[in-house]
């Protein structure tokens, strides 16, 4: 995810990442930003993009862990919530090959780079306050618990946990990650219409020798997105009045290693990819998911100064499966998860999507007693894919 604007000559400004803290204005205020620049002056293959990107940023976000710190067995309600200060820096090389059927795009792009991270873990900003455990009691009420601290969760075992080695000792890490991948560029995306396919296969490696000695992992991901605009009605000026887009994603991931840090577990956890479940939950070596959206978009240029700002309703159904060992443990497990729901959003330049999400958990693993308690409300900041 990136947005860029042209500067002088071959240089462009990059705005690559935003994140939020759910306890700060309900997650609607960005609390982490990464920015940078790109250089297109190289021309290794005439007619194809050659680009170097450099970005830097940081911020303050929330994390959770859903495993017992002693043996790594999964937890349902007694999870741990904490906060993290972060700094990130990234150097990336991209080279295009061939001409896509989509104008002004290369058919395939190879990319490789280096990412550095510094993180400092601290007690949650809402420590001691009551929050939902995600479990429904036998009398149909949501159970709550006070948000713990590093020192009192599970008797303070995190300080010497073999499962969360990145959270032990001084509760800070420095990570070095190398990555490479291939991207298929076959999607014509205007925000309100979307047609074609996007494919991406990538590999990440964080060696112990170049990171804090409590980090060592690798991750391989395959992602494929296909989309078709089913209907569009335009105003006389050519702007969108109403459109319907069908879009589907398939995602497969394998992540493993001696010390998989929490930051690397979040994006690959099945709980992150099946909407309505908790990010960082259902976190095993292997996961596969399918996400299906029907996206209904309204006018994208009511006023000239608001071009690219438009309302959008996403209707979704997700299903996925995970299996293998829970990270940093010998405990094995598997689950099938499914959910359906809707997201009502306002899209800004098809980059930020602010709104609310209502998800119904079709497989009530999180809220486990009554089907009418399986409705989960949340905020959205971006499209999920």
Protein backbone atom coordinates (compact mmCIF):
# COMPACT_ATOMS: atom_id res chain seq x y z
CA UNK A 1 0.00 0.00 0.00
CA UNK A 2 1.47 3.31 -1.09
CA UNK A 3 0.51 6.67 -2.45
CA UNK A 4 2.95 8.94 -4.25
CA UNK A 5 3.17 12.42 -5.71
CA UNK A 6 5.64 13.68 -8.28
CA UNK A 7 8.43 15.99 -7.21
CA UNK A 8 11.13 17.53 -9.38
CA UNK A 9 12.46 15.29 -12.13
CA UNK A 10 12.83 11.63 -11.29
CA UNK A 11 11.96 11.93 -7.60
CA UNK A 12 8.57 11.24 -6.00
CA UNK A 13 7.20 11.52 -2.49
CA UNK A 14 5.90 8.28 -0.95
CA UNK A 15 3.27 7.88 1.75
CA UNK A 16 3.47 4.15 2.41
CA UNK A 17 1.88 3.18 5.70
CA UNK A 18 -0.59 4.25 8.37
CA UNK A 19 -1.63 2.44 11.52
CA UNK A 20 -3.75 3.24 14.52
CA UNK A 21 -4.27 2.49 18.22
CA UNK A 22 -7.78 1.24 18.93
CA UNK A 23 -7.89 3.04 22.29
CA UNK A 24 -7.12 6.45 20.77
CA UNK A 25 -10.31 7.96 19.30
CA UNK A 26 -11.60 4.45 18.61
CA UNK A 27 -8.83 3.82 16.09
CA UNK A 28 -9.85 6.70 13.80
CA UNK A 29 -6.69 8.74 14.46
CA UNK A 30 -3.43 7.63 12.79
CA UNK A 31 -0.77 6.89 15.40
CA UNK A 32 1.91 5.46 13.10
CA UNK A 33 3.10 6.89 9.77
CA UNK A 34 5.86 5.97 7.30
CA UNK A 35 6.92 8.30 4.48
CA UNK A 36 9.82 8.58 2.07
CA UNK A 37 10.79 9.02 -1.54
CA UNK A 38 11.44 7.14 -4.76
CA UNK A 39 13.96 7.65 -7.57
CA UNK A 40 13.14 6.64 -11.16
CA UNK A 41 16.26 7.96 -12.89
CA UNK A 42 17.74 4.54 -13.57
CA UNK A 43 16.78 2.87 -16.85
CA UNK A 44 18.11 -0.67 -16.71
CA UNK A 45 15.52 -2.00 -19.17
CA UNK A 46 14.18 0.58 -21.66
CA UNK A 47 10.43 1.01 -21.31
CA UNK A 48 10.22 -0.78 -17.95
CA UNK A 49 10.22 0.78 -14.50
CA UNK A 50 13.43 0.77 -12.48
CA UNK A 51 12.93 2.35 -9.08
CA UNK A 52 14.64 2.75 -5.72
CA UNK A 53 12.51 3.57 -2.66
CA UNK A 54 13.58 4.71 0.79
CA UNK A 55 11.09 5.20 3.63
CA UNK A 56 11.18 5.88 7.35
CA UNK A 57 8.58 6.30 10.05
CA UNK A 58 7.29 5.25 13.41
CA UNK A 59 4.56 5.61 15.98
CA UNK A 60 2.59 4.04 18.80
CA UNK A 61 0.24 1.04 18.42
CA UNK A 62 -1.41 -1.78 20.35
CA UNK A 63 -0.59 -5.50 20.26
CA UNK A 64 -2.10 -8.65 21.76
CA UNK A 65 -0.87 -12.17 22.41
CA UNK A 66 -3.10 -15.25 22.57
CA UNK A 67 -0.68 -17.93 23.80
CA UNK A 68 0.33 -19.09 27.25
CA UNK A 69 3.84 -17.75 27.98
CA UNK A 70 5.02 -21.06 29.43
CA UNK A 71 4.25 -23.57 26.65
CA UNK A 72 2.59 -21.60 23.83
CA UNK A 73 -0.82 -23.23 24.13
CA UNK A 74 -3.62 -21.03 22.71
CA UNK A 75 -5.66 -18.78 25.00
CA UNK A 76 -9.23 -17.69 24.36
CA UNK A 77 -10.14 -15.08 26.95
CA UNK A 78 -7.09 -14.57 29.14
CA UNK A 79 -5.02 -12.82 26.46
CA UNK A 80 -2.47 -10.08 27.03
CA UNK A 81 -2.75 -6.54 25.64
CA UNK A 82 0.22 -4.18 25.51
CA UNK A 83 1.50 -1.16 23.59
CA UNK A 84 4.61 -0.56 21.53
CA UNK A 85 6.70 2.39 20.42
CA UNK A 86 8.14 1.75 16.96
CA UNK A 87 10.58 3.06 14.39
CA UNK A 88 10.87 1.56 10.88
CA UNK A 89 13.17 2.13 7.93
CA UNK A 90 13.11 0.48 4.53
CA UNK A 91 15.24 0.39 1.37
CA UNK A 92 13.64 -1.23 -1.68
CA UNK A 93 14.60 -1.92 -5.31
CA UNK A 94 11.97 -2.56 -8.02
CA UNK A 95 12.42 -3.68 -11.63
CA UNK A 96 9.59 -4.15 -14.12
CA UNK A 97 9.48 -6.66 -16.97
CA UNK A 98 7.21 -6.67 -20.00
CA UNK A 99 4.08 -4.72 -20.84
CA UNK A 100 0.84 -5.39 -18.99
CA UNK A 101 -2.55 -5.36 -20.71
CA UNK A 102 -3.30 -2.49 -18.31
CA UNK A 103 -1.89 0.74 -19.81
CA UNK A 104 1.28 2.22 -18.28
CA UNK A 105 2.01 -0.83 -16.14
CA UNK A 106 4.70 -3.48 -16.36
CA UNK A 107 3.43 -7.04 -16.57
CA UNK A 108 5.68 -8.34 -13.78
CA UNK A 109 7.64 -6.45 -11.15
CA UNK A 110 10.54 -7.94 -9.21
CA UNK A 111 11.29 -6.31 -5.88
CA UNK A 112 13.80 -6.86 -3.10
CA UNK A 113 14.84 -4.93 -0.07
CA UNK A 114 15.82 -4.51 3.52
CA UNK A 115 13.62 -3.46 6.43
CA UNK A 116 14.83 -2.42 9.85
CA UNK A 117 12.71 -2.12 12.97
CA UNK A 118 13.16 -0.87 16.51
CA UNK A 119 10.41 -1.58 19.01
CA UNK A 120 9.96 -0.84 22.71
CA UNK A 121 7.16 -2.64 24.55
CA UNK A 122 5.26 -0.94 27.38
CA UNK A 123 2.16 -1.58 29.47
CA UNK A 124 -1.15 -0.80 27.80
CA UNK A 125 -2.35 2.80 28.08
CA UNK A 126 -5.61 1.36 29.52
CA UNK A 127 -3.99 -0.98 32.05
CA UNK A 128 -6.36 -1.83 34.88
CA UNK A 129 -9.47 -0.82 32.94
CA UNK A 130 -12.15 -3.39 32.10
CA UNK A 131 -12.27 -4.76 28.57
CA UNK A 132 -14.24 -7.59 26.93
CA UNK A 133 -12.66 -11.02 27.07
CA UNK A 134 -14.44 -12.09 23.88
CA UNK A 135 -16.22 -14.89 25.75
CA UNK A 136 -19.95 -15.13 26.48
CA UNK A 137 -20.88 -16.50 29.92
CA UNK A 138 -23.56 -19.12 30.54
CA UNK A 139 -26.09 -16.36 31.34
CA UNK A 140 -25.44 -14.80 27.92
CA UNK A 141 -23.41 -11.83 29.19
CA UNK A 142 -20.06 -10.70 27.85
CA UNK A 143 -17.27 -11.39 30.33
CA UNK A 144 -14.80 -8.61 31.08
CA UNK A 145 -11.37 -8.49 32.71
CA UNK A 146 -8.97 -5.74 33.80
CA UNK A 147 -6.20 -5.12 31.26
CA UNK A 148 -3.04 -6.60 32.86
CA UNK A 149 0.54 -5.34 32.91
CA UNK A 150 3.79 -7.07 32.00
CA UNK A 151 4.47 -7.64 35.69
CA UNK A 152 1.13 -9.16 36.69
CA UNK A 153 -0.06 -11.12 33.63
CA UNK A 154 0.45 -14.82 34.35
CA UNK A 155 2.58 -13.92 37.36
CA UNK A 156 5.06 -11.90 35.31
CA UNK A 157 6.24 -14.94 33.33
CA UNK A 158 6.77 -12.86 30.18
CA UNK A 159 10.14 -11.69 31.50
CA UNK A 160 11.56 -15.19 30.98
CA UNK A 161 9.07 -16.68 28.50
CA UNK A 162 10.45 -19.18 25.94
CA UNK A 163 7.42 -18.38 23.75
CA UNK A 164 7.67 -14.59 23.62
CA UNK A 165 11.40 -14.06 23.69
CA UNK A 166 11.00 -10.67 21.99
CA UNK A 167 8.98 -9.44 25.00
CA UNK A 168 11.54 -10.63 27.55
CA UNK A 169 14.58 -8.95 29.09
CA UNK A 170 14.49 -5.20 28.43
CA UNK A 171 11.29 -5.45 26.33
CA UNK A 172 12.89 -3.94 23.24
CA UNK A 173 14.17 -5.32 19.95
CA UNK A 174 16.05 -4.37 16.81
CA UNK A 175 15.13 -6.46 13.77
CA UNK A 176 16.72 -6.89 10.35
CA UNK A 177 14.44 -8.31 7.64
CA UNK A 178 15.39 -9.13 4.06
CA UNK A 179 12.64 -9.70 1.50
CA UNK A 180 12.07 -10.39 -2.19
CA UNK A 181 9.09 -11.03 -4.38
CA UNK A 182 7.36 -11.00 -7.76
CA UNK A 183 4.18 -9.07 -8.50
CA UNK A 184 1.80 -9.61 -11.43
CA UNK A 185 0.26 -6.28 -12.46
CA UNK A 186 -3.00 -6.90 -14.30
CA UNK A 187 -5.50 -4.75 -12.40
CA UNK A 188 -7.14 -1.58 -13.72
CA UNK A 189 -8.28 0.12 -10.51
CA UNK A 190 -9.91 3.56 -10.40
CA UNK A 191 -11.20 3.20 -6.85
CA UNK A 192 -14.86 3.02 -7.89
CA UNK A 193 -14.20 0.40 -10.59
CA UNK A 194 -11.76 -2.49 -10.53
CA UNK A 195 -11.09 -5.08 -13.25
CA UNK A 196 -8.37 -7.68 -13.70
CA UNK A 197 -6.00 -9.66 -11.52
CA UNK A 198 -3.15 -8.97 -9.14
CA UNK A 199 -0.72 -11.63 -7.99
CA UNK A 200 2.13 -11.51 -5.51
CA UNK A 201 4.53 -14.08 -4.14
CA UNK A 202 7.13 -13.02 -1.60
CA UNK A 203 9.63 -14.32 0.93
CA UNK A 204 10.91 -12.67 4.13
CA UNK A 205 13.86 -13.69 6.27
CA UNK A 206 14.97 -12.24 9.59
CA UNK A 207 18.29 -13.87 10.57
CA UNK A 208 19.21 -14.15 14.22
CA UNK A 209 22.77 -13.00 13.54
CA UNK A 210 21.65 -9.58 12.25
CA UNK A 211 18.80 -8.96 14.71
CA UNK A 212 18.30 -8.96 18.42
CA UNK A 213 19.22 -12.52 19.44
CA UNK A 214 15.55 -13.16 20.24
CA UNK A 215 14.37 -12.90 16.61
CA UNK A 216 14.80 -15.56 13.91
CA UNK A 217 12.11 -16.46 11.36
CA UNK A 218 11.11 -16.72 7.72
CA UNK A 219 7.77 -16.23 5.96
CA UNK A 220 6.47 -17.12 2.48
CA UNK A 221 3.20 -15.68 1.13
CA UNK A 222 1.15 -16.11 -2.02
CA UNK A 223 -1.63 -13.61 -2.69
CA UNK A 224 -4.02 -13.50 -5.68
CA UNK A 225 -6.82 -10.96 -6.22
CA UNK A 226 -9.37 -11.00 -9.03
CA UNK A 227 -11.96 -8.30 -9.66
CA UNK A 228 -14.82 -7.40 -12.01
CA UNK A 229 -16.96 -4.28 -12.24
CA UNK A 230 -20.54 -5.56 -12.46
CA UNK A 231 -22.27 -2.22 -12.96
CA UNK A 232 -21.47 1.48 -13.22
CA UNK A 233 -23.65 4.54 -13.68
CA UNK A 234 -21.88 7.81 -14.45
CA UNK A 235 -22.87 11.46 -14.35
CA UNK A 236 -22.66 13.56 -17.52
CA UNK A 237 -19.19 14.80 -16.51
CA UNK A 238 -17.89 11.22 -16.43
CA UNK A 239 -17.63 10.95 -12.65
CA UNK A 240 -19.07 7.98 -10.82
CA UNK A 241 -22.68 8.02 -9.66
CA UNK A 242 -22.90 4.40 -8.51
CA UNK A 243 -20.90 1.25 -9.12
CA UNK A 244 -20.85 -2.39 -8.04
CA UNK A 245 -17.59 -4.34 -7.97
CA UNK A 246 -17.08 -8.04 -7.21
CA UNK A 247 -13.61 -8.77 -5.85
CA UNK A 248 -12.10 -11.97 -4.45
CA UNK A 249 -8.80 -12.73 -2.73
CA UNK A 250 -6.98 -16.00 -2.04
CA UNK A 251 -4.07 -15.87 0.42
CA UNK A 252 -1.71 -18.64 1.52
CA UNK A 253 1.08 -18.26 4.08
CA UNK A 254 3.74 -20.36 5.79
CA UNK A 255 5.74 -18.77 8.61
CA UNK A 256 8.20 -20.52 10.91
CA UNK A 257 11.42 -20.07 12.82
CA UNK A 258 13.08 -20.42 16.19
CA UNK A 259 11.82 -17.02 17.42
CA UNK A 260 8.85 -15.53 15.53
CA UNK A 261 8.24 -12.08 17.08
CA UNK A 262 4.76 -10.76 17.78
CA UNK A 263 5.01 -8.08 15.07
CA UNK A 264 5.50 -10.80 12.43
CA UNK A 265 2.65 -12.94 13.76
CA UNK A 266 -0.06 -10.31 13.33
CA UNK A 267 -0.26 -10.02 9.51
CA UNK A 268 -0.15 -13.80 8.96
CA UNK A 269 -2.53 -14.87 11.74
CA UNK A 270 -5.86 -16.28 10.55
CA UNK A 271 -7.61 -14.01 13.06
CA UNK A 272 -6.30 -11.04 11.08
CA UNK A 273 -7.46 -12.31 7.71
CA UNK A 274 -10.98 -13.51 8.63
CA UNK A 275 -12.81 -10.32 9.54
CA UNK A 276 -14.37 -10.10 13.00
CA UNK A 277 -11.71 -12.17 14.75
CA UNK A 278 -8.75 -10.84 16.68
CA UNK A 279 -5.49 -10.07 14.93
CA UNK A 280 -2.68 -12.23 16.42
CA UNK A 281 -5.13 -15.07 17.22
CA UNK A 282 -5.22 -18.49 15.50
CA UNK A 283 -1.52 -18.03 14.81
CA UNK A 284 0.06 -21.22 13.49
CA UNK A 285 2.64 -21.99 10.83
CA UNK A 286 0.17 -22.41 7.97
CA UNK A 287 -2.92 -20.43 6.99
CA UNK A 288 -5.10 -20.18 3.90
CA UNK A 289 -8.02 -17.80 3.42
CA UNK A 290 -10.54 -16.62 0.85
CA UNK A 291 -12.15 -13.18 1.11
CA UNK A 292 -15.09 -12.22 -1.11
CA UNK A 293 -16.33 -8.61 -1.31
CA UNK A 294 -19.17 -6.88 -3.10
CA UNK A 295 -18.24 -3.18 -3.08
CA UNK A 296 -20.91 -0.56 -3.73
CA UNK A 297 -19.45 2.91 -4.34
CA UNK A 298 -21.26 6.24 -4.55
CA UNK A 299 -20.41 9.58 -6.19
CA UNK A 300 -16.67 10.27 -6.29
CA UNK A 301 -16.83 13.93 -7.29
CA UNK A 302 -19.78 15.73 -5.72
CA UNK A 303 -17.59 18.84 -5.63
CA UNK A 304 -14.36 19.39 -7.58
CA UNK A 305 -12.37 19.94 -4.38
CA UNK A 306 -13.59 16.55 -3.09
CA UNK A 307 -12.52 14.50 -6.10
CA UNK A 308 -11.59 11.00 -4.96
CA UNK A 309 -13.62 11.17 -1.75
CA UNK A 310 -16.65 8.87 -1.91
CA UNK A 311 -18.90 6.62 0.22
CA UNK A 312 -18.52 2.87 -0.06
CA UNK A 313 -20.42 -0.12 1.32
CA UNK A 314 -18.58 -3.47 1.36
CA UNK A 315 -20.53 -6.69 1.83
CA UNK A 316 -18.19 -9.54 2.66
CA UNK A 317 -17.90 -13.22 3.42
CA UNK A 318 -14.60 -14.73 4.60
CA UNK A 319 -13.48 -18.28 5.26
CA UNK A 320 -10.10 -19.69 6.19
CA UNK A 321 -8.19 -22.54 7.78
CA UNK A 322 -5.03 -22.69 9.85
CA UNK A 323 -2.94 -25.63 11.02
CA UNK A 324 0.48 -26.62 12.29
CA UNK A 325 2.35 -25.56 15.41
CA UNK A 326 1.48 -22.40 17.26
CA UNK A 327 4.39 -20.02 16.91
CA UNK A 328 7.41 -20.66 19.13
CA UNK A 329 5.90 -23.83 20.61
CA UNK A 330 5.38 -27.56 20.09
CA UNK A 331 1.60 -27.23 20.50
CA UNK A 332 -0.32 -28.10 17.34
CA UNK A 333 -3.79 -26.93 16.41
CA UNK A 334 -6.19 -26.18 13.58
CA UNK A 335 -9.45 -24.31 13.08
CA UNK A 336 -11.82 -23.41 10.28
CA UNK A 337 -13.10 -19.84 10.61
CA UNK A 338 -15.81 -18.01 8.68
CA UNK A 339 -17.58 -14.68 8.97
CA UNK A 340 -19.88 -12.39 7.04
CA UNK A 341 -20.83 -8.76 7.41
CA UNK A 342 -20.57 -5.24 6.09
CA UNK A 343 -18.26 -2.22 6.17
CA UNK A 344 -19.68 1.30 5.74
CA UNK A 345 -16.84 3.65 4.86
CA UNK A 346 -15.77 6.95 3.38
CA UNK A 347 -12.84 6.43 1.02
CA UNK A 348 -10.16 9.09 0.63
CA UNK A 349 -8.28 8.68 -2.67
CA UNK A 350 -8.83 4.90 -2.36
CA UNK A 351 -6.02 4.92 0.23
CA UNK A 352 -7.69 5.54 3.57
CA UNK A 353 -11.13 4.04 4.22
CA UNK A 354 -12.62 5.38 7.45
CA UNK A 355 -15.74 3.65 8.69
CA UNK A 356 -17.38 1.00 10.81
CA UNK A 357 -17.51 -2.77 10.41
CA UNK A 358 -20.18 -5.20 11.55
CA UNK A 359 -19.13 -8.85 11.36
CA UNK A 360 -21.14 -11.96 12.19
CA UNK A 361 -18.98 -14.91 13.23
CA UNK A 362 -20.28 -18.00 11.41
CA UNK A 363 -17.85 -20.16 13.38
CA UNK A 364 -18.29 -18.89 16.97
CA UNK A 365 -14.84 -19.76 18.29
CA UNK A 366 -14.36 -16.30 19.77
CA UNK A 367 -17.81 -15.74 21.32
CA UNK A 368 -18.65 -19.27 22.22
CA UNK A 369 -22.14 -19.80 23.69
CA UNK A 370 -25.02 -18.13 21.85
CA UNK A 371 -25.32 -17.43 18.13
CA UNK A 372 -26.87 -14.00 18.71
CA UNK A 373 -23.75 -12.95 20.63
CA UNK A 374 -21.52 -13.46 17.61
CA UNK A 375 -21.87 -9.92 16.27
CA UNK A 376 -18.60 -7.97 16.42
CA UNK A 377 -18.38 -4.20 15.88
CA UNK A 378 -15.18 -2.42 14.91
CA UNK A 379 -13.60 0.49 13.09
CA UNK A 380 -12.03 0.35 9.63
CA UNK A 381 -9.09 2.39 8.45
CA UNK A 382 -8.15 0.61 5.22
CA UNK A 383 -9.57 -1.87 2.78
CA UNK A 384 -8.49 -5.36 3.81
CA UNK A 385 -7.17 -6.11 0.32
